[in-house]
Amino acid sequence: MTPVLTTDGDNHITLTSNATEMLRVSKDGFYVRGVKVEQGPGEAEAVYKAFKEFMTWAIISKPVEEQ
């Protein structure tokens, strides 16, 4: 269950975790967990929180290297 970043070139970037879309950045806006974020004062905060959740999950999901 590894966090994944995918892109299809110029159209969008998607961050997924456990096959669940956490954040998508596309030409028509930002999506958090598949729901479009309305433009306005809270837009940046919603996107930041989703990205932070993705990065936190990526860090805690990282396999422990054998020593």
C-alpha atoms as a PDB file:
ATOM      1  CA  MET A   1       0.000   0.000   0.000  1.00  0.00           C
ATOM      2  CA  THR A   2       2.377   2.639  -1.252  1.00  0.00           C
ATOM      3  CA  PRO A   3       1.425   6.250  -1.941  1.00  0.00           C
ATOM      4  CA  VAL A   4       1.671   6.963  -5.674  1.00  0.00           C
ATOM      5  CA  LEU A   5       2.051  10.094  -7.786  1.00  0.00           C
ATOM      6  CA  THR A   6       0.847   9.791 -11.388  1.00  0.00           C
ATOM      7  CA  THR A   7       0.578  12.186 -14.296  1.00  0.00           C
ATOM      8  CA  ASP A   8      -0.705  12.009 -17.826  1.00  0.00           C
ATOM      9  CA  GLY A   9       1.531  14.742 -19.182  1.00  0.00           C
ATOM     10  CA  ASP A  10       0.015  18.198 -19.350  1.00  0.00           C
ATOM     11  CA  ASN A  11      -3.498  17.335 -18.162  1.00  0.00           C
ATOM     12  CA  HIS A  12      -3.247  16.499 -14.463  1.00  0.00           C
ATOM     13  CA  ILE A  13      -1.248  15.184 -11.514  1.00  0.00           C
ATOM     14  CA  THR A  14      -2.860  12.723  -9.116  1.00  0.00           C
ATOM     15  CA  LEU A  15      -1.674  11.634  -5.674  1.00  0.00           C
ATOM     16  CA  THR A  16      -3.193   8.344  -4.508  1.00  0.00           C
ATOM     17  CA  SER A  17      -2.878   6.194  -1.420  1.00  0.00           C
ATOM     18  CA  ASN A  18      -4.290   2.675  -1.156  1.00  0.00           C
ATOM     19  CA  ALA A  19      -5.899   3.213  -4.580  1.00  0.00           C
ATOM     20  CA  THR A  20      -7.814   6.209  -3.167  1.00  0.00           C
ATOM     21  CA  GLU A  21      -7.373   9.560  -4.870  1.00  0.00           C
ATOM     22  CA  MET A  22      -6.190  12.050  -2.255  1.00  0.00           C
ATOM     23  CA  LEU A  23      -5.323  15.055  -4.422  1.00  0.00           C
ATOM     24  CA  ARG A  24      -5.633  15.850  -8.121  1.00  0.00           C
ATOM     25  CA  VAL A  25      -4.298  18.981  -9.754  1.00  0.00           C
ATOM     26  CA  SER A  26      -5.801  19.526 -13.194  1.00  0.00           C
ATOM     27  CA  LYS A  27      -6.405  22.283 -15.690  1.00  0.00           C
ATOM     28  CA  ASP A  28      -9.915  22.832 -14.372  1.00  0.00           C
ATOM     29  CA  GLY A  29      -9.021  23.020 -10.679  1.00  0.00           C
ATOM     30  CA  PHE A  30      -8.048  21.072  -7.592  1.00  0.00           C
ATOM     31  CA  TYR A  31      -9.778  17.928  -6.320  1.00  0.00           C
ATOM     32  CA  VAL A  32      -9.461  16.573  -2.772  1.00  0.00           C
ATOM     33  CA  ARG A  33     -10.596  12.946  -2.399  1.00  0.00           C
ATOM     34  CA  GLY A  34     -12.397  13.238  -5.735  1.00  0.00           C
ATOM     35  CA  VAL A  35     -14.378  16.364  -4.840  1.00  0.00           C
ATOM     36  CA  LYS A  36     -13.631  19.602  -6.673  1.00  0.00           C
ATOM     37  CA  VAL A  37     -12.431  22.373  -4.363  1.00  0.00           C
ATOM     38  CA  GLU A  38     -14.313  25.585  -4.961  1.00  0.00           C
ATOM     39  CA  GLN A  39     -12.143  28.571  -5.776  1.00  0.00           C
ATOM     40  CA  GLY A  40     -11.942  31.091  -2.992  1.00  0.00           C
ATOM     41  CA  PRO A  41     -10.244  31.899   0.291  1.00  0.00           C
ATOM     42  CA  GLY A  42     -10.190  28.278   1.550  1.00  0.00           C
ATOM     43  CA  GLU A  43      -8.873  26.746  -1.671  1.00  0.00           C
ATOM     44  CA  ALA A  44      -5.167  26.879  -0.822  1.00  0.00           C
ATOM     45  CA  GLU A  45      -5.766  25.553   2.687  1.00  0.00           C
ATOM     46  CA  ALA A  46      -7.772  22.546   1.420  1.00  0.00           C
ATOM     47  CA  VAL A  47      -5.108  21.658  -1.143  1.00  0.00           C
ATOM     48  CA  TYR A  48      -2.301  22.129   1.403  1.00  0.00           C
ATOM     49  CA  LYS A  49      -4.014  19.826   3.910  1.00  0.00           C
ATOM     50  CA  ALA A  50      -4.569  17.113   1.283  1.00  0.00           C
ATOM     51  CA  PHE A  51      -0.940  17.325   0.144  1.00  0.00           C
ATOM     52  CA  LYS A  52       0.272  17.203   3.754  1.00  0.00           C
ATOM     53  CA  GLU A  53      -1.855  14.089   4.413  1.00  0.00           C
ATOM     54  CA  PHE A  54      -0.397  12.429   1.315  1.00  0.00           C
ATOM     55  CA  MET A  55       3.189  13.276   2.319  1.00  0.00           C
ATOM     56  CA  THR A  56       2.629  12.113   5.908  1.00  0.00           C
ATOM     57  CA  TRP A  57       1.233   8.796   4.667  1.00  0.00           C
ATOM     58  CA  ALA A  58       4.174   8.453   2.245  1.00  0.00           C
ATOM     59  CA  ILE A  59       6.627   8.914   5.122  1.00  0.00           C
ATOM     60  CA  ILE A  60       4.975   6.521   7.571  1.00  0.00           C
ATOM     61  CA  SER A  61       4.368   3.930   4.840  1.00  0.00           C
ATOM     62  CA  LYS A  62       8.000   3.840   3.749  1.00  0.00           C
ATOM     63  CA  PRO A  63       9.423   0.344   4.235  1.00  0.00           C
ATOM     64  CA  VAL A  64      11.990   0.056   6.994  1.00  0.00           C
ATOM     65  CA  GLU A  65      15.348  -0.814   5.486  1.00  0.00           C
ATOM     66  CA  GLU A  66      17.040  -3.868   6.878  1.00  0.00           C
ATOM     67  CA  GLN A  67      20.217  -3.095   8.793  1.00  0.00           C
END
